[in-house]
C-alpha atoms as a PDB file:
ATOM      1  CA  MET A   1     -85.064  75.703-103.567  1.00  0.00           C
ATOM      2  CA  LYS A   2     -81.104  76.451-103.566  1.00  0.00           C
ATOM      3  CA  ARG A   3     -81.434  77.516 -99.937  1.00  0.00           C
ATOM      4  CA  SER A   4     -82.964  73.900 -98.398  1.00  0.00           C
ATOM      5  CA  PHE A   5     -80.017  72.122-100.652  1.00  0.00           C
ATOM      6  CA  VAL A   6     -77.949  74.421 -98.988  1.00  0.00           C
ATOM      7  CA  LEU A   7     -79.054  73.583 -95.703  1.00  0.00           C
ATOM      8  CA  LEU A   8     -79.214  69.714 -96.602  1.00  0.00           C
ATOM      9  CA  ILE A   9     -75.794  69.351 -97.092  1.00  0.00           C
ATOM     10  CA  VAL A  10     -74.876  71.517 -93.932  1.00  0.00           C
ATOM     11  CA  ASN A  11     -76.758  69.276 -91.982  1.00  0.00           C
ATOM     12  CA  LEU A  12     -75.439  65.965 -94.078  1.00  0.00           C
ATOM     13  CA  PHE A  13     -72.253  67.383 -93.223  1.00  0.00           C
ATOM     14  CA  PHE A  14     -72.787  68.480 -89.170  1.00  0.00           C
ATOM     15  CA  ALA A  15     -74.048  64.724 -88.952  1.00  0.00           C
ATOM     16  CA  PHE A  16     -70.848  63.130 -90.352  1.00  0.00           C
ATOM     17  CA  CYS A  17     -68.895  65.052 -88.079  1.00  0.00           C
ATOM     18  CA  LEU A  18     -71.065  63.780 -85.346  1.00  0.00           C
ATOM     19  CA  LEU A  19     -70.999  60.471 -86.528  1.00  0.00           C
ATOM     20  CA  ALA A  20     -66.894  60.501 -86.803  1.00  0.00           C
ATOM     21  CA  GLN A  21     -66.899  62.221 -83.174  1.00  0.00           C
ATOM     22  CA  SER A  22     -68.394  58.903 -81.718  1.00  0.00           C
ATOM     23  CA  GLY A  23     -66.983  55.858 -83.393  1.00  0.00           C
ATOM     24  CA  GLY A  24     -66.858  53.157 -81.186  1.00  0.00           C
ATOM     25  CA  LYS A  25     -67.269  52.465 -77.447  1.00  0.00           C
ATOM     26  CA  VAL A  26     -64.987  51.369 -75.460  1.00  0.00           C
ATOM     27  CA  PHE A  27     -65.590  49.602 -72.129  1.00  0.00           C
ATOM     28  CA  ASP A  28     -63.101  49.369 -69.904  1.00  0.00           C
ATOM     29  CA  SER A  29     -63.965  47.440 -66.396  1.00  0.00           C
ATOM     30  CA  LEU A  30     -66.011  44.854 -66.736  1.00  0.00           C
ATOM     31  CA  SER A  31     -65.497  41.828 -65.489  1.00  0.00           C
ATOM     32  CA  MET A  32     -66.702  37.697 -65.633  1.00  0.00           C
ATOM     33  CA  THR A  33     -66.216  35.073 -62.934  1.00  0.00           C
ATOM     34  CA  SER A  34     -63.353  32.741 -63.344  1.00  0.00           C
ATOM     35  CA  LYS A  35     -63.397  29.022 -61.822  1.00  0.00           C
ATOM     36  CA  ILE A  36     -60.520  27.834 -63.289  1.00  0.00           C
ATOM     37  CA  LEU A  37     -58.551  31.099 -61.418  1.00  0.00           C
ATOM     38  CA  LYS A  38     -61.017  30.857 -58.652  1.00  0.00           C
ATOM     39  CA  MET A  39     -61.675  35.049 -58.615  1.00  0.00           C
ATOM     40  CA  ASP A  40     -63.511  37.722 -61.165  1.00  0.00           C
ATOM     41  CA  ARG A  41     -61.403  38.478 -63.992  1.00  0.00           C
ATOM     42  CA  LYS A  42     -61.795  42.246 -65.635  1.00  0.00           C
ATOM     43  CA  PHE A  43     -61.407  42.961 -69.603  1.00  0.00           C
ATOM     44  CA  ALA A  44     -61.634  45.766 -71.772  1.00  0.00           C
ATOM     45  CA  ILE A  45     -63.607  45.899 -75.123  1.00  0.00           C
ATOM     46  CA  TYR A  46     -64.068  48.006 -77.927  1.00  0.00           C
ATOM     47  CA  LEU A  47     -67.275  47.658 -79.952  1.00  0.00           C
ATOM     48  CA  PRO A  48     -67.591  49.460 -83.680  1.00  0.00           C
ATOM     49  CA  ALA A  49     -69.185  52.032 -84.020  1.00  0.00           C
ATOM     50  CA  ASP A  50     -72.525  50.294 -85.699  1.00  0.00           C
ATOM     51  CA  TYR A  51     -72.454  47.457 -83.341  1.00  0.00           C
ATOM     52  CA  GLU A  52     -75.726  48.260 -81.645  1.00  0.00           C
ATOM     53  CA  THR A  53     -77.507  48.758 -84.997  1.00  0.00           C
ATOM     54  CA  SER A  54     -76.462  46.728 -87.321  1.00  0.00           C
ATOM     55  CA  GLY A  55     -77.236  43.134 -85.690  1.00  0.00           C
ATOM     56  CA  ARG A  56     -74.353  41.494 -88.060  1.00  0.00           C
ATOM     57  CA  SER A  57     -71.247  39.079 -85.642  1.00  0.00           C
ATOM     58  CA  TYR A  58     -67.868  40.622 -86.227  1.00  0.00           C
ATOM     59  CA  PRO A  59     -63.999  39.223 -86.596  1.00  0.00           C
ATOM     60  CA  VAL A  60     -62.408  39.573 -83.122  1.00  0.00           C
ATOM     61  CA  LEU A  61     -58.901  41.005 -81.654  1.00  0.00           C
ATOM     62  CA  TYR A  62     -57.629  39.554 -78.582  1.00  0.00           C
ATOM     63  CA  LEU A  63     -55.244  42.864 -77.843  1.00  0.00           C
ATOM     64  CA  LEU A  64     -52.815  41.720 -74.348  1.00  0.00           C
ATOM     65  CA  HIS A  65     -51.107  44.418 -72.312  1.00  0.00           C
ATOM     66  CA  GLY A  66     -47.150  44.089 -71.401  1.00  0.00           C
ATOM     67  CA  SER A  67     -45.575  43.828 -67.716  1.00  0.00           C
ATOM     68  CA  GLY A  68     -47.265  46.441 -64.696  1.00  0.00           C
ATOM     69  CA  ASP A  69     -50.535  47.323 -67.203  1.00  0.00           C
ATOM     70  CA  ASP A  70     -53.725  45.798 -66.512  1.00  0.00           C
ATOM     71  CA  GLN A  71     -56.981  45.567 -69.154  1.00  0.00           C
ATOM     72  CA  THR A  72     -56.732  49.410 -69.161  1.00  0.00           C
ATOM     73  CA  GLY A  73     -53.576  50.405 -70.971  1.00  0.00           C
ATOM     74  CA  TRP A  74     -54.424  49.745 -74.490  1.00  0.00           C
ATOM     75  CA  VAL A  75     -57.334  52.129 -73.679  1.00  0.00           C
ATOM     76  CA  GLN A  76     -55.331  54.454 -71.677  1.00  0.00           C
ATOM     77  CA  PHE A  77     -52.041  54.905 -72.840  1.00  0.00           C
ATOM     78  CA  GLY A  78     -51.949  52.577 -76.347  1.00  0.00           C
ATOM     79  CA  GLU A  79     -55.389  55.102 -77.629  1.00  0.00           C
ATOM     80  CA  VAL A  80     -57.013  51.842 -79.191  1.00  0.00           C
ATOM     81  CA  LYS A  81     -60.519  53.751 -79.439  1.00  0.00           C
ATOM     82  CA  SER A  82     -59.366  56.849 -81.567  1.00  0.00           C
ATOM     83  CA  ILE A  83     -56.602  54.045 -83.677  1.00  0.00           C
ATOM     84  CA  ALA A  84     -59.439  51.695 -84.445  1.00  0.00           C
ATOM     85  CA  ASP A  85     -62.008  54.593 -85.420  1.00  0.00           C
ATOM     86  CA  LYS A  86     -59.829  55.788 -87.815  1.00  0.00           C
ATOM     87  CA  ALA A  87     -58.694  53.303 -89.502  1.00  0.00           C
ATOM     88  CA  ILE A  88     -61.767  51.730 -89.736  1.00  0.00           C
ATOM     89  CA  GLN A  89     -63.545  55.196 -91.248  1.00  0.00           C
ATOM     90  CA  GLU A  90     -60.578  55.708 -93.849  1.00  0.00           C
ATOM     91  CA  GLY A  91     -61.196  52.421 -94.831  1.00  0.00           C
ATOM     92  CA  LYS A  92     -57.801  50.333 -93.417  1.00  0.00           C
ATOM     93  CA  CYS A  93     -59.282  47.728 -91.535  1.00  0.00           C
ATOM     94  CA  THR A  94     -63.080  45.951 -91.496  1.00  0.00           C
ATOM     95  CA  ALA A  95     -64.751  46.638 -88.242  1.00  0.00           C
ATOM     96  CA  MET A  96     -63.601  44.737 -85.729  1.00  0.00           C
ATOM     97  CA  ILE A  97     -64.335  43.781 -81.589  1.00  0.00           C
ATOM     98  CA  ILE A  98     -61.381  43.811 -79.654  1.00  0.00           C
ATOM     99  CA  VAL A  99     -60.843  42.249 -76.474  1.00  0.00           C
ATOM    100  CA  MET A 100     -58.326  43.664 -73.945  1.00  0.00           C
ATOM    101  CA  PRO A 101     -58.020  40.776 -70.991  1.00  0.00           C
ATOM    102  CA  ASP A 102     -56.374  41.616 -67.143  1.00  0.00           C
ATOM    103  CA  GLY A 103     -53.086  39.863 -67.120  1.00  0.00           C
ATOM    104  CA  ASP A 104     -51.868  41.403 -64.075  1.00  0.00           C
ATOM    105  CA  THR A 105     -54.522  40.394 -60.931  1.00  0.00           C
ATOM    106  CA  GLY A 106     -53.077  37.366 -58.597  1.00  0.00           C
ATOM    107  CA  GLN A 107     -50.273  36.534 -60.761  1.00  0.00           C
ATOM    108  CA  ARG A 108     -48.574  38.449 -63.696  1.00  0.00           C
ATOM    109  CA  GLY A 109     -48.784  37.208 -67.254  1.00  0.00           C
ATOM    110  CA  TYR A 110     -50.586  34.739 -69.301  1.00  0.00           C
ATOM    111  CA  PHE A 111     -49.191  31.446 -69.017  1.00  0.00           C
ATOM    112  CA  ASN A 112     -50.270  28.644 -66.728  1.00  0.00           C
ATOM    113  CA  SER A 113     -47.852  28.027 -64.060  1.00  0.00           C
ATOM    114  CA  PRO A 114     -45.599  24.979 -63.778  1.00  0.00           C
ATOM    115  CA  LYS A 115     -46.994  24.366 -60.338  1.00  0.00           C
ATOM    116  CA  GLY A 116     -50.258  24.338 -61.792  1.00  0.00           C
ATOM    117  CA  ASP A 117     -51.671  26.501 -58.986  1.00  0.00           C
ATOM    118  CA  TRP A 118     -52.364  29.718 -61.702  1.00  0.00           C
ATOM    119  CA  ASN A 119     -53.840  28.213 -64.888  1.00  0.00           C
ATOM    120  CA  TYR A 120     -54.190  31.708 -66.874  1.00  0.00           C
ATOM    121  CA  GLU A 121     -53.813  30.011 -69.977  1.00  0.00           C
ATOM    122  CA  ASP A 122     -56.526  27.259 -69.212  1.00  0.00           C
ATOM    123  CA  PHE A 123     -58.552  30.656 -68.448  1.00  0.00           C
ATOM    124  CA  PHE A 124     -58.060  32.493 -71.359  1.00  0.00           C
ATOM    125  CA  PHE A 125     -59.166  29.149 -74.456  1.00  0.00           C
ATOM    126  CA  GLN A 126     -61.921  27.633 -71.774  1.00  0.00           C
ATOM    127  CA  GLU A 127     -63.813  30.728 -69.766  1.00  0.00           C
ATOM    128  CA  LEU A 128     -62.743  33.833 -71.657  1.00  0.00           C
ATOM    129  CA  MET A 129     -62.867  32.988 -75.046  1.00  0.00           C
ATOM    130  CA  PRO A 130     -66.211  31.446 -74.463  1.00  0.00           C
ATOM    131  CA  TYR A 131     -68.188  33.831 -72.599  1.00  0.00           C
ATOM    132  CA  VAL A 132     -66.876  36.304 -75.544  1.00  0.00           C
ATOM    133  CA  GLU A 133     -68.658  34.498 -78.128  1.00  0.00           C
ATOM    134  CA  LYS A 134     -71.669  33.660 -76.122  1.00  0.00           C
ATOM    135  CA  THR A 135     -72.234  37.293 -74.720  1.00  0.00           C
ATOM    136  CA  TYR A 136     -71.043  39.306 -78.021  1.00  0.00           C
ATOM    137  CA  ARG A 137     -71.914  39.178 -81.581  1.00  0.00           C
ATOM    138  CA  VAL A 138     -68.338  37.755 -82.590  1.00  0.00           C
ATOM    139  CA  LYS A 139     -67.732  35.288 -85.560  1.00  0.00           C
ATOM    140  CA  THR A 140     -66.772  32.076 -84.223  1.00  0.00           C
ATOM    141  CA  ASP A 141     -64.403  30.430 -87.220  1.00  0.00           C
ATOM    142  CA  LYS A 142     -60.398  30.870 -86.997  1.00  0.00           C
ATOM    143  CA  ARG A 143     -60.033  32.822 -89.583  1.00  0.00           C
ATOM    144  CA  TYR A 144     -62.032  36.003 -88.077  1.00  0.00           C
ATOM    145  CA  ARG A 145     -59.878  35.414 -85.046  1.00  0.00           C
ATOM    146  CA  ALA A 146     -56.551  36.642 -84.350  1.00  0.00           C
ATOM    147  CA  ILE A 147     -54.303  38.056 -81.845  1.00  0.00           C
ATOM    148  CA  SER A 148     -51.703  40.201 -80.787  1.00  0.00           C
ATOM    149  CA  GLY A 149     -50.103  42.141 -77.896  1.00  0.00           C
ATOM    150  CA  LEU A 150     -46.591  43.831 -76.592  1.00  0.00           C
ATOM    151  CA  SER A 151     -44.170  43.328 -74.792  1.00  0.00           C
ATOM    152  CA  MET A 152     -45.236  40.224 -72.045  1.00  0.00           C
ATOM    153  CA  GLY A 153     -48.410  40.136 -74.073  1.00  0.00           C
ATOM    154  CA  GLY A 154     -46.320  39.845 -77.302  1.00  0.00           C
ATOM    155  CA  GLY A 155     -44.997  36.801 -75.589  1.00  0.00           C
ATOM    156  CA  GLY A 156     -48.556  35.805 -74.338  1.00  0.00           C
ATOM    157  CA  THR A 157     -49.452  36.628 -78.381  1.00  0.00           C
ATOM    158  CA  PHE A 158     -46.281  34.071 -79.818  1.00  0.00           C
ATOM    159  CA  MET A 159     -47.589  31.424 -76.664  1.00  0.00           C
ATOM    160  CA  TYR A 160     -51.050  31.527 -77.579  1.00  0.00           C
ATOM    161  CA  ALA A 161     -50.417  31.486 -81.989  1.00  0.00           C
ATOM    162  CA  LEU A 162     -48.349  28.866 -81.412  1.00  0.00           C
ATOM    163  CA  HIS A 163     -49.805  26.368 -79.103  1.00  0.00           C
ATOM    164  CA  HIS A 164     -53.736  26.732 -80.560  1.00  0.00           C
ATOM    165  CA  PRO A 165     -52.810  27.417 -84.453  1.00  0.00           C
ATOM    166  CA  GLU A 166     -56.200  25.850 -85.190  1.00  0.00           C
ATOM    167  CA  LEU A 167     -57.999  28.976 -83.200  1.00  0.00           C
ATOM    168  CA  PHE A 168     -56.184  32.087 -84.928  1.00  0.00           C
ATOM    169  CA  SER A 169     -55.894  33.270 -88.433  1.00  0.00           C
ATOM    170  CA  SER A 170     -52.754  35.624 -87.694  1.00  0.00           C
ATOM    171  CA  ALA A 171     -50.435  36.733 -84.726  1.00  0.00           C
ATOM    172  CA  CYS A 172     -48.779  40.060 -84.493  1.00  0.00           C
ATOM    173  CA  PRO A 173     -46.326  39.894 -81.416  1.00  0.00           C
ATOM    174  CA  LEU A 174     -44.828  43.591 -80.558  1.00  0.00           C
ATOM    175  CA  SER A 175     -41.678  43.853 -79.377  1.00  0.00           C
ATOM    176  CA  ALA A 176     -42.511  40.336 -77.325  1.00  0.00           C
ATOM    177  CA  SER A 177     -40.778  38.671 -74.875  1.00  0.00           C
ATOM    178  CA  THR A 178     -39.803  35.722 -76.533  1.00  0.00           C
ATOM    179  CA  GLY A 179     -38.744  33.308 -73.947  1.00  0.00           C
ATOM    180  CA  PRO A 180     -35.455  31.556 -72.688  1.00  0.00           C
ATOM    181  CA  VAL A 181     -33.791  31.213 -75.679  1.00  0.00           C
ATOM    182  CA  SER A 182     -31.923  28.094 -74.321  1.00  0.00           C
ATOM    183  CA  LEU A 183     -32.473  25.358 -71.228  1.00  0.00           C
ATOM    184  CA  GLU A 184     -29.652  27.350 -69.523  1.00  0.00           C
ATOM    185  CA  GLU A 185     -31.025  30.245 -69.457  1.00  0.00           C
ATOM    186  CA  ALA A 186     -34.229  29.110 -68.677  1.00  0.00           C
ATOM    187  CA  THR A 187     -32.495  27.036 -65.449  1.00  0.00           C
ATOM    188  CA  ALA A 188     -31.713  30.415 -64.429  1.00  0.00           C
ATOM    189  CA  ARG A 189     -34.368  32.271 -64.435  1.00  0.00           C
ATOM    190  CA  TRP A 190     -37.340  29.648 -63.743  1.00  0.00           C
ATOM    191  CA  GLU A 191     -35.450  28.065 -60.625  1.00  0.00           C
ATOM    192  CA  LYS A 192     -35.772  31.303 -58.600  1.00  0.00           C
ATOM    193  CA  GLN A 193     -38.964  32.384 -60.439  1.00  0.00           C
ATOM    194  CA  TYR A 194     -40.311  28.087 -59.513  1.00  0.00           C
ATOM    195  CA  PRO A 195     -38.420  27.291 -56.630  1.00  0.00           C
ATOM    196  CA  GLY A 196     -38.189  23.235 -56.178  1.00  0.00           C
ATOM    197  CA  ILE A 197     -39.533  22.842 -59.604  1.00  0.00           C
ATOM    198  CA  SER A 198     -38.117  19.383 -60.906  1.00  0.00           C
ATOM    199  CA  LYS A 199     -35.469  19.343 -63.921  1.00  0.00           C
ATOM    200  CA  ASP A 200     -37.598  17.005 -65.689  1.00  0.00           C
ATOM    201  CA  ASP A 201     -40.809  20.131 -65.295  1.00  0.00           C
ATOM    202  CA  LEU A 202     -38.065  22.910 -65.704  1.00  0.00           C
ATOM    203  CA  ALA A 203     -37.026  21.267 -69.503  1.00  0.00           C
ATOM    204  CA  LYS A 204     -40.998  20.605 -70.362  1.00  0.00           C
ATOM    205  CA  TYR A 205     -41.731  24.237 -69.675  1.00  0.00           C
ATOM    206  CA  PHE A 206     -39.037  25.304 -71.249  1.00  0.00           C
ATOM    207  CA  ALA A 207     -40.213  24.037 -74.933  1.00  0.00           C
ATOM    208  CA  ARG A 208     -43.474  25.334 -74.079  1.00  0.00           C
ATOM    209  CA  HIS A 209     -42.312  28.767 -73.214  1.00  0.00           C
ATOM    210  CA  SER A 210     -40.022  29.344 -75.764  1.00  0.00           C
ATOM    211  CA  ALA A 211     -40.998  31.262 -78.546  1.00  0.00           C
ATOM    212  CA  LEU A 212     -37.456  30.274 -80.457  1.00  0.00           C
ATOM    213  CA  GLU A 213     -37.420  26.746 -79.387  1.00  0.00           C
ATOM    214  CA  LEU A 214     -41.246  26.218 -80.567  1.00  0.00           C
ATOM    215  CA  MET A 215     -40.416  27.721 -84.312  1.00  0.00           C
ATOM    216  CA  ASN A 216     -37.577  25.361 -84.132  1.00  0.00           C
ATOM    217  CA  THR A 217     -39.274  22.420 -83.824  1.00  0.00           C
ATOM    218  CA  MET A 218     -42.926  23.356 -85.788  1.00  0.00           C
ATOM    219  CA  PRO A 219     -44.150  19.967 -87.442  1.00  0.00           C
ATOM    220  CA  ASP A 220     -44.353  21.146 -91.387  1.00  0.00           C
ATOM    221  CA  ASP A 221     -47.859  20.721 -91.711  1.00  0.00           C
ATOM    222  CA  GLN A 222     -47.864  23.936 -89.496  1.00  0.00           C
ATOM    223  CA  LYS A 223     -45.619  26.231 -90.875  1.00  0.00           C
ATOM    224  CA  LYS A 224     -48.545  28.120 -92.758  1.00  0.00           C
ATOM    225  CA  ALA A 225     -51.307  28.007 -89.969  1.00  0.00           C
ATOM    226  CA  VAL A 226     -50.890  31.338 -88.930  1.00  0.00           C
ATOM    227  CA  ARG A 227     -50.042  34.927 -90.889  1.00  0.00           C
ATOM    228  CA  TRP A 228     -47.548  36.305 -88.398  1.00  0.00           C
ATOM    229  CA  TYR A 229     -46.237  39.804 -88.325  1.00  0.00           C
ATOM    230  CA  ILE A 230     -43.806  40.642 -85.693  1.00  0.00           C
ATOM    231  CA  ASP A 231     -42.240  44.140 -85.003  1.00  0.00           C
ATOM    232  CA  CYS A 232     -39.604  45.349 -82.360  1.00  0.00           C
ATOM    233  CA  GLY A 233     -37.658  48.433 -82.245  1.00  0.00           C
ATOM    234  CA  ASP A 234     -33.984  48.832 -82.943  1.00  0.00           C
ATOM    235  CA  ASP A 235     -33.528  50.376 -79.445  1.00  0.00           C
ATOM    236  CA  ASP A 236     -35.721  47.773 -77.795  1.00  0.00           C
ATOM    237  CA  PHE A 237     -33.739  45.436 -75.446  1.00  0.00           C
ATOM    238  CA  LEU A 238     -35.577  42.754 -76.446  1.00  0.00           C
ATOM    239  CA  CYS A 239     -34.725  43.395 -80.091  1.00  0.00           C
ATOM    240  CA  GLU A 240     -32.346  40.172 -79.959  1.00  0.00           C
ATOM    241  CA  GLY A 241     -34.526  38.042 -78.899  1.00  0.00           C
ATOM    242  CA  ASN A 242     -37.226  38.595 -81.828  1.00  0.00           C
ATOM    243  CA  CYS A 243     -34.376  38.664 -84.223  1.00  0.00           C
ATOM    244  CA  LEU A 244     -33.414  35.070 -83.034  1.00  0.00           C
ATOM    245  CA  VAL A 245     -36.960  34.504 -83.589  1.00  0.00           C
ATOM    246  CA  HIS A 246     -36.809  36.013 -87.237  1.00  0.00           C
ATOM    247  CA  ILE A 247     -34.183  34.013 -88.051  1.00  0.00           C
ATOM    248  CA  ALA A 248     -35.266  30.961 -86.690  1.00  0.00           C
ATOM    249  CA  MET A 249     -38.558  31.569 -89.021  1.00  0.00           C
ATOM    250  CA  ARG A 250     -36.561  31.945 -92.376  1.00  0.00           C
ATOM    251  CA  LYS A 251     -34.362  28.877 -91.895  1.00  0.00           C
ATOM    252  CA  LYS A 252     -37.332  26.933 -91.132  1.00  0.00           C
ATOM    253  CA  GLU A 253     -39.300  28.598 -94.466  1.00  0.00           C
ATOM    254  CA  ILE A 254     -42.122  30.002 -91.826  1.00  0.00           C
ATOM    255  CA  PRO A 255     -43.612  32.429 -93.689  1.00  0.00           C
ATOM    256  CA  HIS A 256     -43.683  35.582 -91.630  1.00  0.00           C
ATOM    257  CA  GLU A 257     -43.300  39.724 -91.897  1.00  0.00           C
ATOM    258  CA  PHE A 258     -41.085  41.362 -89.715  1.00  0.00           C
ATOM    259  CA  ARG A 259     -40.380  44.587 -88.974  1.00  0.00           C
ATOM    260  CA  ILE A 260     -37.488  46.713 -86.937  1.00  0.00           C
ATOM    261  CA  ARG A 261     -38.727  50.162 -86.799  1.00  0.00           C
ATOM    262  CA  ASP A 262     -36.660  52.885 -85.395  1.00  0.00           C
ATOM    263  CA  GLY A 263     -37.999  53.563 -81.684  1.00  0.00           C
ATOM    264  CA  ALA A 264     -37.507  51.577 -78.122  1.00  0.00           C
ATOM    265  CA  HIS A 265     -39.780  49.910 -75.508  1.00  0.00           C
ATOM    266  CA  ASN A 266     -42.478  52.859 -75.459  1.00  0.00           C
ATOM    267  CA  TRP A 267     -46.149  53.325 -75.902  1.00  0.00           C
ATOM    268  CA  THR A 268     -45.360  55.859 -78.787  1.00  0.00           C
ATOM    269  CA  TYR A 269     -43.594  52.830 -80.647  1.00  0.00           C
ATOM    270  CA  TRP A 270     -47.055  50.842 -79.844  1.00  0.00           C
ATOM    271  CA  ARG A 271     -49.361  53.259 -81.197  1.00  0.00           C
ATOM    272  CA  GLU A 272     -47.731  54.029 -83.828  1.00  0.00           C
ATOM    273  CA  ALA A 273     -47.550  49.710 -84.636  1.00  0.00           C
ATOM    274  CA  LEU A 274     -51.232  49.475 -83.652  1.00  0.00           C
ATOM    275  CA  PRO A 275     -52.911  50.796 -87.016  1.00  0.00           C
ATOM    276  CA  THR A 276     -49.982  48.499 -89.161  1.00  0.00           C
ATOM    277  CA  VAL A 277     -51.708  45.480 -87.007  1.00  0.00           C
ATOM    278  CA  LEU A 278     -55.282  46.625 -87.600  1.00  0.00           C
ATOM    279  CA  GLU A 279     -54.741  46.495 -91.441  1.00  0.00           C
ATOM    280  CA  PHE A 280     -53.117  42.750 -91.219  1.00  0.00           C
ATOM    281  CA  VAL A 281     -55.365  41.032 -89.139  1.00  0.00           C
ATOM    282  CA  SER A 282     -57.820  42.462 -91.648  1.00  0.00           C
ATOM    283  CA  GLN A 283     -56.553  41.100 -94.767  1.00  0.00           C
ATOM    284  CA  SER A 284     -56.585  37.396 -92.748  1.00  0.00           C
ATOM    285  CA  PHE A 285     -60.338  38.116 -92.118  1.00  0.00           C
ATOM    286  CA  HIS A 286     -60.680  38.507 -95.755  1.00  0.00           C
ATOM    287  CA  GLN A 287     -57.933  36.187 -97.188  1.00  0.00           C
ATOM    288  CA  PHE A 288     -60.757  33.207 -98.132  1.00  0.00           C
END
């Protein structure tokens, strides 16, 4: 009897270890067809450990990579699987689906072109999100949808949540490219990038793609629409822009969490940030 009990405990222990090692699954070379971009678009996805057996639906986090990476960035360098598995197993975040789209094929970035010839943002909201919600068991209410990203993807996080506060419960820009702080800076930058753009179109583009401008002009009834967690390293070359956005949000009385931690613009910093992001968005999923 005693021997049988010991064997049972040993078997349960090894079964637990096997489960802990397996965790969730990541597929990093999936694709879908985009009519808007007129090409196939790749994306990666993290599915929690019990996705295949539970039959239930999950909250979703859209996680955007930075400039120079693709949909595999958060998988390969960000170690999203091991970090998410650990956070879920320790009870620090809820089980969720994590979607990582490719923003570096055809053109680089997450925005529509001011010339209308490359509308990535339209693709994201009109094609990618509906495809994900149709293909996977994703909860589709705002409260169960969050967005985060680093650098260029942090800029995408700011813009997507500011453009569509009705769609995201929380947003977590990391080391974000916050966009030009003034129309003059925008003019100097975008006249070279988009030759022939008119001054009127440039001014409209600036008003829609500067996090600082969007915070300063945010309507009062949207101030609490999204829970914000903003994080940037003290040695990051993008730190100033993030600090200016933080100051603007303080002045506008827009609730947010703001962190300046020791670190630079690198994967070491973002891997350390991801567990907090997962915990923060999980709080949003559970807040109501």
